[in-house]
Amino acid sequence: MLLWIIGFSILGSIGAVAGASLLLLLPEKVRKNLVPSLISYATGTLLGAAFLGMIPAGLAKAPAIAIMTAVLGGIVIFFALEKFLLWRHCHDTHCEVHGNAAPLILVGDALHNFVDGVVIAAAFLTSIPLGIVTAFAVIAHEIPQEVGDFAILLENGYERKQAMILNSISAATTLPGAVIAYFWLGEMHAATPYILAISAASFIYIAIADLIPGLHRQVTLTAALRQLTLLLAGIGTIALFHTGG
């Protein structure tokens, strides 16, 4: 089980950075058109993983009121983190948060990636199919996020090589988060459903508070239909993985 967790944690962190690096090789015009599509798809995977995987898994192991309270509390916690620790998923390099120093963005991402590792470990400790679904959702939403991070660092005067190294270091915190969670949750089985609930809260919050508002900036009918189609495709992908498992 630990090997599954380590493998998918590495895939979810370094794999996302590698995917973002490939996107940066594309012409800027193509990239600007592609990233919103990736965000639409990622939004679907996050919502699908939360509502079709994590919350049902938590409800199967703990009382409904306790799990839903943990989800609600998690959303409040992530709101506070976003407000006070600059931990957010903005994809616009000119937004208010990105006017701050780039190192703060890296610190916030390192914290988020560490939590992603905990999320992946908790999911795998529940079941391998849920772990795979969760890791896939992490990868899907981290790729466009890493593209945004690269753009921020480059705009703040970092060279491409520096940006790659710093982003990789930030992404690498997923692995210690996963390993620590594996050993801690291995001793605290009763905590697993609540970790899943809080993990679901993080996915819901990222999708609803950070990703969807950016999608609403595109107001044409064509963009709306494309976004809806890709969002449903993301949900469908998670449903297919989960059902197949």
C-alpha atoms as a PDB file:
ATOM      1  CA  MET A   1       0.000   0.000   0.000  1.00  0.00           C
ATOM      2  CA  LEU A   2       2.816   2.414   0.839  1.00  0.00           C
ATOM      3  CA  LEU A   3       4.281   1.914  -2.637  1.00  0.00           C
ATOM      4  CA  TRP A   4       0.918   2.818  -4.199  1.00  0.00           C
ATOM      5  CA  ILE A   5       0.779   5.978  -2.097  1.00  0.00           C
ATOM      6  CA  ILE A   6       4.369   6.990  -2.860  1.00  0.00           C
ATOM      7  CA  GLY A   7       3.989   6.298  -6.577  1.00  0.00           C
ATOM      8  CA  PHE A   8       0.792   8.286  -7.011  1.00  0.00           C
ATOM      9  CA  SER A   9       2.048  11.089  -4.760  1.00  0.00           C
ATOM     10  CA  ILE A  10       5.082  11.505  -7.004  1.00  0.00           C
ATOM     11  CA  LEU A  11       2.835  11.336 -10.059  1.00  0.00           C
ATOM     12  CA  GLY A  12       0.501  13.930  -8.563  1.00  0.00           C
ATOM     13  CA  SER A  13       3.301  16.395  -7.798  1.00  0.00           C
ATOM     14  CA  ILE A  14       6.247  16.017 -10.152  1.00  0.00           C
ATOM     15  CA  GLY A  15       3.946  14.717 -12.892  1.00  0.00           C
ATOM     16  CA  ALA A  16       1.869  17.886 -12.668  1.00  0.00           C
ATOM     17  CA  VAL A  17       4.993  20.055 -12.916  1.00  0.00           C
ATOM     18  CA  ALA A  18       6.161  18.072 -15.951  1.00  0.00           C
ATOM     19  CA  GLY A  19       2.746  18.459 -17.595  1.00  0.00           C
ATOM     20  CA  ALA A  20       2.768  22.176 -16.924  1.00  0.00           C
ATOM     21  CA  SER A  21       6.269  22.451 -18.387  1.00  0.00           C
ATOM     22  CA  LEU A  22       5.086  20.825 -21.609  1.00  0.00           C
ATOM     23  CA  LEU A  23       2.205  23.293 -21.830  1.00  0.00           C
ATOM     24  CA  LEU A  24       4.642  26.178 -21.472  1.00  0.00           C
ATOM     25  CA  LEU A  25       6.373  25.009 -24.654  1.00  0.00           C
ATOM     26  CA  LEU A  26       3.203  25.789 -26.610  1.00  0.00           C
ATOM     27  CA  PRO A  27       2.645  29.216 -28.167  1.00  0.00           C
ATOM     28  CA  GLU A  28       1.095  31.689 -25.734  1.00  0.00           C
ATOM     29  CA  LYS A  29      -2.109  32.016 -27.772  1.00  0.00           C
ATOM     30  CA  VAL A  30      -2.638  28.251 -27.768  1.00  0.00           C
ATOM     31  CA  ARG A  31      -1.842  28.059 -24.056  1.00  0.00           C
ATOM     32  CA  LYS A  32      -4.346  30.801 -23.193  1.00  0.00           C
ATOM     33  CA  ASN A  33      -7.061  28.896 -25.007  1.00  0.00           C
ATOM     34  CA  LEU A  34      -6.088  25.525 -23.563  1.00  0.00           C
ATOM     35  CA  VAL A  35      -5.752  26.392 -19.863  1.00  0.00           C
ATOM     36  CA  PRO A  36      -9.446  27.370 -19.379  1.00  0.00           C
ATOM     37  CA  SER A  37     -10.419  24.040 -20.925  1.00  0.00           C
ATOM     38  CA  LEU A  38      -8.117  22.206 -18.531  1.00  0.00           C
ATOM     39  CA  ILE A  39      -9.600  24.154 -15.626  1.00  0.00           C
ATOM     40  CA  SER A  40     -13.136  23.202 -16.693  1.00  0.00           C
ATOM     41  CA  TYR A  41     -12.160  19.532 -16.806  1.00  0.00           C
ATOM     42  CA  ALA A  42     -10.272  19.779 -13.502  1.00  0.00           C
ATOM     43  CA  THR A  43     -13.328  21.348 -11.842  1.00  0.00           C
ATOM     44  CA  GLY A  44     -15.366  18.317 -12.843  1.00  0.00           C
ATOM     45  CA  THR A  45     -12.777  15.880 -11.515  1.00  0.00           C
ATOM     46  CA  LEU A  46     -12.593  17.683  -8.163  1.00  0.00           C
ATOM     47  CA  LEU A  47     -16.365  17.738  -7.712  1.00  0.00           C
ATOM     48  CA  GLY A  48     -16.673  14.148  -8.894  1.00  0.00           C
ATOM     49  CA  ALA A  49     -13.959  12.906  -6.533  1.00  0.00           C
ATOM     50  CA  ALA A  50     -15.532  14.757  -3.590  1.00  0.00           C
ATOM     51  CA  PHE A  51     -19.187  13.810  -4.113  1.00  0.00           C
ATOM     52  CA  LEU A  52     -18.819  10.385  -5.733  1.00  0.00           C
ATOM     53  CA  GLY A  53     -15.771   9.119  -3.849  1.00  0.00           C
ATOM     54  CA  MET A  54     -14.647  10.795  -0.643  1.00  0.00           C
ATOM     55  CA  ILE A  55     -17.938  11.778   0.973  1.00  0.00           C
ATOM     56  CA  PRO A  56     -19.638   8.398   0.323  1.00  0.00           C
ATOM     57  CA  ALA A  57     -16.529   6.609   1.650  1.00  0.00           C
ATOM     58  CA  GLY A  58     -16.608   8.728   4.789  1.00  0.00           C
ATOM     59  CA  LEU A  59     -20.348   8.179   5.260  1.00  0.00           C
ATOM     60  CA  ALA A  60     -19.787   4.427   5.083  1.00  0.00           C
ATOM     61  CA  LYS A  61     -17.518   4.575   8.143  1.00  0.00           C
ATOM     62  CA  ALA A  62     -18.952   7.331  10.358  1.00  0.00           C
ATOM     63  CA  PRO A  63     -22.291   8.990  11.190  1.00  0.00           C
ATOM     64  CA  ALA A  64     -23.677  11.294   8.489  1.00  0.00           C
ATOM     65  CA  ILE A  65     -23.953  14.320  10.788  1.00  0.00           C
ATOM     66  CA  ALA A  66     -20.310  13.982  11.823  1.00  0.00           C
ATOM     67  CA  ILE A  67     -19.059  13.636   8.246  1.00  0.00           C
ATOM     68  CA  MET A  68     -21.132  16.524   6.903  1.00  0.00           C
ATOM     69  CA  THR A  69     -20.052  18.697   9.838  1.00  0.00           C
ATOM     70  CA  ALA A  70     -16.435  17.906   8.952  1.00  0.00           C
ATOM     71  CA  VAL A  71     -17.102  18.876   5.315  1.00  0.00           C
ATOM     72  CA  LEU A  72     -18.672  22.167   6.387  1.00  0.00           C
ATOM     73  CA  GLY A  73     -15.881  22.852   8.876  1.00  0.00           C
ATOM     74  CA  GLY A  74     -13.303  22.048   6.217  1.00  0.00           C
ATOM     75  CA  ILE A  75     -14.784  24.614   3.834  1.00  0.00           C
ATOM     76  CA  VAL A  76     -14.555  27.258   6.569  1.00  0.00           C
ATOM     77  CA  ILE A  77     -10.952  26.257   7.304  1.00  0.00           C
ATOM     78  CA  PHE A  78      -9.944  26.536   3.644  1.00  0.00           C
ATOM     79  CA  PHE A  79     -11.642  29.921   3.396  1.00  0.00           C
ATOM     80  CA  ALA A  80      -9.509  31.090   6.327  1.00  0.00           C
ATOM     81  CA  LEU A  81      -6.350  29.595   4.805  1.00  0.00           C
ATOM     82  CA  GLU A  82      -7.011  31.384   1.547  1.00  0.00           C
ATOM     83  CA  LYS A  83      -7.591  34.689   3.297  1.00  0.00           C
ATOM     84  CA  PHE A  84      -4.677  34.601   5.712  1.00  0.00           C
ATOM     85  CA  LEU A  85      -2.036  32.360   4.102  1.00  0.00           C
ATOM     86  CA  LEU A  86      -2.445  33.291   0.418  1.00  0.00           C
ATOM     87  CA  TRP A  87      -3.176  29.662  -0.425  1.00  0.00           C
ATOM     88  CA  ARG A  88      -5.205  29.951  -3.578  1.00  0.00           C
ATOM     89  CA  HIS A  89      -5.633  28.688  -7.137  1.00  0.00           C
ATOM     90  CA  CYS A  90      -5.759  31.923  -9.098  1.00  0.00           C
ATOM     91  CA  HIS A  91      -4.738  31.444 -12.738  1.00  0.00           C
ATOM     92  CA  ASP A  92      -4.529  35.143 -13.612  1.00  0.00           C
ATOM     93  CA  THR A  93      -1.009  36.500 -13.229  1.00  0.00           C
ATOM     94  CA  HIS A  94      -2.414  40.002 -12.720  1.00  0.00           C
ATOM     95  CA  CYS A  95      -4.810  39.206  -9.876  1.00  0.00           C
ATOM     96  CA  GLU A  96      -4.506  40.951  -6.504  1.00  0.00           C
ATOM     97  CA  VAL A  97      -2.825  37.993  -4.786  1.00  0.00           C
ATOM     98  CA  HIS A  98      -0.216  37.615  -7.494  1.00  0.00           C
ATOM     99  CA  GLY A  99       0.807  41.200  -6.954  1.00  0.00           C
ATOM    100  CA  ASN A 100       2.512  39.916  -3.802  1.00  0.00           C
ATOM    101  CA  ALA A 101       5.991  38.461  -3.731  1.00  0.00           C
ATOM    102  CA  ALA A 102       6.423  35.225  -5.657  1.00  0.00           C
ATOM    103  CA  PRO A 103       7.982  33.435  -2.632  1.00  0.00           C
ATOM    104  CA  LEU A 104       4.640  33.731  -0.813  1.00  0.00           C
ATOM    105  CA  ILE A 105       2.975  31.935  -3.706  1.00  0.00           C
ATOM    106  CA  LEU A 106       5.552  29.153  -3.474  1.00  0.00           C
ATOM    107  CA  VAL A 107       5.032  28.784   0.283  1.00  0.00           C
ATOM    108  CA  GLY A 108       1.269  28.633  -0.181  1.00  0.00           C
ATOM    109  CA  ASP A 109       1.629  26.014  -2.916  1.00  0.00           C
ATOM    110  CA  ALA A 110       4.003  23.950  -0.793  1.00  0.00           C
ATOM    111  CA  LEU A 111       1.392  23.878   1.976  1.00  0.00           C
ATOM    112  CA  HIS A 112      -1.338  22.940  -0.471  1.00  0.00           C
ATOM    113  CA  ASN A 113       0.769  20.174  -2.020  1.00  0.00           C
ATOM    114  CA  PHE A 114       1.550  18.778   1.423  1.00  0.00           C
ATOM    115  CA  VAL A 115      -2.189  18.556   2.095  1.00  0.00           C
ATOM    116  CA  ASP A 116      -2.654  16.900  -1.315  1.00  0.00           C
ATOM    117  CA  GLY A 117      -0.300  14.181  -0.107  1.00  0.00           C
ATOM    118  CA  VAL A 118      -2.418  13.653   3.016  1.00  0.00           C
ATOM    119  CA  VAL A 119      -5.526  13.497   0.816  1.00  0.00           C
ATOM    120  CA  ILE A 120      -3.988  10.851  -1.467  1.00  0.00           C
ATOM    121  CA  ALA A 121      -2.823   8.724   1.481  1.00  0.00           C
ATOM    122  CA  ALA A 122      -6.209   8.854   3.210  1.00  0.00           C
ATOM    123  CA  ALA A 123      -7.945   7.836  -0.019  1.00  0.00           C
ATOM    124  CA  PHE A 124      -5.625   4.881  -0.644  1.00  0.00           C
ATOM    125  CA  LEU A 125      -5.998   3.696   2.943  1.00  0.00           C
ATOM    126  CA  THR A 126      -9.745   3.549   2.289  1.00  0.00           C
ATOM    127  CA  SER A 127      -9.463   1.700  -1.027  1.00  0.00           C
ATOM    128  CA  ILE A 128      -7.107   1.532  -4.000  1.00  0.00           C
ATOM    129  CA  PRO A 129      -9.801   2.642  -6.501  1.00  0.00           C
ATOM    130  CA  LEU A 130     -10.590   5.708  -4.367  1.00  0.00           C
ATOM    131  CA  GLY A 131      -6.875   6.452  -4.102  1.00  0.00           C
ATOM    132  CA  ILE A 132      -6.425   6.337  -7.875  1.00  0.00           C
ATOM    133  CA  VAL A 133      -9.482   8.545  -8.440  1.00  0.00           C
ATOM    134  CA  THR A 134      -8.246  11.062  -5.868  1.00  0.00           C
ATOM    135  CA  ALA A 135      -4.716  11.166  -7.294  1.00  0.00           C
ATOM    136  CA  PHE A 136      -6.161  11.687 -10.769  1.00  0.00           C
ATOM    137  CA  ALA A 137      -8.223  14.645  -9.519  1.00  0.00           C
ATOM    138  CA  VAL A 138      -5.116  16.107  -7.866  1.00  0.00           C
ATOM    139  CA  ILE A 139      -3.134  15.831 -11.102  1.00  0.00           C
ATOM    140  CA  ALA A 140      -5.963  17.330 -13.174  1.00  0.00           C
ATOM    141  CA  HIS A 141      -6.245  20.481 -11.086  1.00  0.00           C
ATOM    142  CA  GLU A 142      -2.523  20.861 -10.381  1.00  0.00           C
ATOM    143  CA  ILE A 143      -1.450  21.049 -14.047  1.00  0.00           C
ATOM    144  CA  PRO A 144      -3.235  24.350 -14.828  1.00  0.00           C
ATOM    145  CA  GLN A 145      -2.225  25.603 -11.378  1.00  0.00           C
ATOM    146  CA  GLU A 146       1.444  24.926 -12.094  1.00  0.00           C
ATOM    147  CA  VAL A 147       1.141  26.710 -15.450  1.00  0.00           C
ATOM    148  CA  GLY A 148      -0.079  29.761 -13.549  1.00  0.00           C
ATOM    149  CA  ASP A 149       2.757  29.453 -11.047  1.00  0.00           C
ATOM    150  CA  PHE A 150       5.364  29.317 -13.807  1.00  0.00           C
ATOM    151  CA  ALA A 151       3.868  32.439 -15.373  1.00  0.00           C
ATOM    152  CA  ILE A 152       3.990  34.275 -12.024  1.00  0.00           C
ATOM    153  CA  LEU A 153       7.629  33.371 -11.402  1.00  0.00           C
ATOM    154  CA  LEU A 154       8.680  34.350 -14.917  1.00  0.00           C
ATOM    155  CA  GLU A 155       6.839  37.653 -14.605  1.00  0.00           C
ATOM    156  CA  ASN A 156       8.663  38.311 -11.326  1.00  0.00           C
ATOM    157  CA  GLY A 157      12.041  38.006 -13.011  1.00  0.00           C
ATOM    158  CA  TYR A 158      12.909  34.338 -12.462  1.00  0.00           C
ATOM    159  CA  GLU A 159      14.620  32.458 -15.270  1.00  0.00           C
ATOM    160  CA  ARG A 160      12.906  29.369 -16.694  1.00  0.00           C
ATOM    161  CA  LYS A 161      15.379  27.013 -15.010  1.00  0.00           C
ATOM    162  CA  GLN A 162      14.911  28.740 -11.650  1.00  0.00           C
ATOM    163  CA  ALA A 163      11.140  28.625 -12.010  1.00  0.00           C
ATOM    164  CA  MET A 164      11.277  24.911 -12.811  1.00  0.00           C
ATOM    165  CA  ILE A 165      13.477  24.111  -9.784  1.00  0.00           C
ATOM    166  CA  LEU A 166      11.419  26.200  -7.350  1.00  0.00           C
ATOM    167  CA  ASN A 167       8.132  24.814  -8.608  1.00  0.00           C
ATOM    168  CA  SER A 168       9.476  21.262  -8.348  1.00  0.00           C
ATOM    169  CA  ILE A 169      10.581  21.841  -4.743  1.00  0.00           C
ATOM    170  CA  SER A 170       7.149  23.251  -3.908  1.00  0.00           C
ATOM    171  CA  ALA A 171       5.426  20.302  -5.588  1.00  0.00           C
ATOM    172  CA  ALA A 172       7.659  17.755  -3.841  1.00  0.00           C
ATOM    173  CA  THR A 173       5.987  18.430  -0.468  1.00  0.00           C
ATOM    174  CA  THR A 174       3.207  16.088  -1.617  1.00  0.00           C
ATOM    175  CA  LEU A 175       5.420  13.080  -0.858  1.00  0.00           C
ATOM    176  CA  PRO A 176       6.219  13.816   2.819  1.00  0.00           C
ATOM    177  CA  GLY A 177       2.553  14.712   3.351  1.00  0.00           C
ATOM    178  CA  ALA A 178       1.527  11.324   1.986  1.00  0.00           C
ATOM    179  CA  VAL A 179       4.131   9.321   3.935  1.00  0.00           C
ATOM    180  CA  ILE A 180       3.401  11.077   7.241  1.00  0.00           C
ATOM    181  CA  ALA A 181      -0.336  10.571   6.731  1.00  0.00           C
ATOM    182  CA  TYR A 182       0.197   6.892   5.898  1.00  0.00           C
ATOM    183  CA  PHE A 183       1.908   6.145   9.207  1.00  0.00           C
ATOM    184  CA  TRP A 184      -0.337   8.434  11.269  1.00  0.00           C
ATOM    185  CA  LEU A 185      -3.604   7.179   9.784  1.00  0.00           C
ATOM    186  CA  GLY A 186      -2.321   3.622   9.986  1.00  0.00           C
ATOM    187  CA  GLU A 187      -2.397   4.031  13.779  1.00  0.00           C
ATOM    188  CA  MET A 188      -5.543   6.193  13.832  1.00  0.00           C
ATOM    189  CA  HIS A 189      -8.040   4.311  11.671  1.00  0.00           C
ATOM    190  CA  ALA A 190     -10.971   6.159  13.235  1.00  0.00           C
ATOM    191  CA  ALA A 191      -9.654   9.454  11.852  1.00  0.00           C
ATOM    192  CA  THR A 192      -9.680   8.316   8.210  1.00  0.00           C
ATOM    193  CA  PRO A 193     -13.352   9.090   7.402  1.00  0.00           C
ATOM    194  CA  TYR A 194     -12.955  12.598   8.824  1.00  0.00           C
ATOM    195  CA  ILE A 195      -9.770  13.182   6.850  1.00  0.00           C
ATOM    196  CA  LEU A 196     -11.711  12.116   3.755  1.00  0.00           C
ATOM    197  CA  ALA A 197     -14.477  14.577   4.654  1.00  0.00           C
ATOM    198  CA  ILE A 198     -12.026  17.449   5.076  1.00  0.00           C
ATOM    199  CA  SER A 199     -10.278  16.389   1.864  1.00  0.00           C
ATOM    200  CA  ALA A 200     -13.622  16.516   0.071  1.00  0.00           C
ATOM    201  CA  ALA A 201     -14.118  19.998   1.508  1.00  0.00           C
ATOM    202  CA  SER A 202     -10.789  21.102   0.027  1.00  0.00           C
ATOM    203  CA  PHE A 203     -11.751  19.778  -3.411  1.00  0.00           C
ATOM    204  CA  ILE A 204     -15.186  21.412  -3.254  1.00  0.00           C
ATOM    205  CA  TYR A 205     -13.715  24.710  -2.083  1.00  0.00           C
ATOM    206  CA  ILE A 206     -11.054  24.813  -4.786  1.00  0.00           C
ATOM    207  CA  ALA A 207     -13.634  24.024  -7.465  1.00  0.00           C
ATOM    208  CA  ILE A 208     -16.340  26.421  -6.291  1.00  0.00           C
ATOM    209  CA  ALA A 209     -14.316  29.321  -4.867  1.00  0.00           C
ATOM    210  CA  ASP A 210     -11.195  29.374  -7.048  1.00  0.00           C
ATOM    211  CA  LEU A 211     -11.810  27.649 -10.367  1.00  0.00           C
ATOM    212  CA  ILE A 212     -15.439  28.327 -11.317  1.00  0.00           C
ATOM    213  CA  PRO A 213     -15.264  32.138 -10.829  1.00  0.00           C
ATOM    214  CA  GLY A 214     -12.429  32.240 -13.365  1.00  0.00           C
ATOM    215  CA  LEU A 215     -14.514  30.281 -15.839  1.00  0.00           C
ATOM    216  CA  HIS A 216     -17.352  32.788 -15.501  1.00  0.00           C
ATOM    217  CA  ARG A 217     -15.113  35.469 -17.000  1.00  0.00           C
ATOM    218  CA  GLN A 218     -15.688  33.872 -20.390  1.00  0.00           C
ATOM    219  CA  VAL A 219     -19.229  34.908 -21.279  1.00  0.00           C
ATOM    220  CA  THR A 220     -19.754  33.673 -24.833  1.00  0.00           C
ATOM    221  CA  LEU A 221     -22.205  30.859 -25.529  1.00  0.00           C
ATOM    222  CA  THR A 222     -19.473  28.789 -27.183  1.00  0.00           C
ATOM    223  CA  ALA A 223     -17.231  29.111 -24.123  1.00  0.00           C
ATOM    224  CA  ALA A 224     -20.105  28.239 -21.792  1.00  0.00           C
ATOM    225  CA  LEU A 225     -20.993  25.095 -23.739  1.00  0.00           C
ATOM    226  CA  ARG A 226     -17.334  24.039 -23.893  1.00  0.00           C
ATOM    227  CA  GLN A 227     -16.897  24.580 -20.159  1.00  0.00           C
ATOM    228  CA  LEU A 228     -20.061  22.652 -19.297  1.00  0.00           C
ATOM    229  CA  THR A 229     -19.098  19.788 -21.582  1.00  0.00           C
ATOM    230  CA  LEU A 230     -15.604  19.520 -20.103  1.00  0.00           C
ATOM    231  CA  LEU A 231     -16.884  19.865 -16.527  1.00  0.00           C
ATOM    232  CA  LEU A 232     -19.296  16.987 -17.145  1.00  0.00           C
ATOM    233  CA  ALA A 233     -16.471  15.051 -18.796  1.00  0.00           C
ATOM    234  CA  GLY A 234     -14.380  15.491 -15.637  1.00  0.00           C
ATOM    235  CA  ILE A 235     -17.228  14.216 -13.459  1.00  0.00           C
ATOM    236  CA  GLY A 236     -17.817  11.366 -15.904  1.00  0.00           C
ATOM    237  CA  THR A 237     -14.150  10.376 -15.819  1.00  0.00           C
ATOM    238  CA  ILE A 238     -14.218  10.096 -12.028  1.00  0.00           C
ATOM    239  CA  ALA A 239     -17.503   8.159 -12.152  1.00  0.00           C
ATOM    240  CA  LEU A 240     -16.014   5.784 -14.710  1.00  0.00           C
ATOM    241  CA  PHE A 241     -12.848   5.223 -12.662  1.00  0.00           C
ATOM    242  CA  HIS A 242     -14.836   4.757  -9.476  1.00  0.00           C
ATOM    243  CA  THR A 243     -17.348   2.374 -11.027  1.00  0.00           C
ATOM    244  CA  GLY A 244     -14.576   0.453 -12.757  1.00  0.00           C
ATOM    245  CA  GLY A 245     -12.836   0.002  -9.391  1.00  0.00           C
END
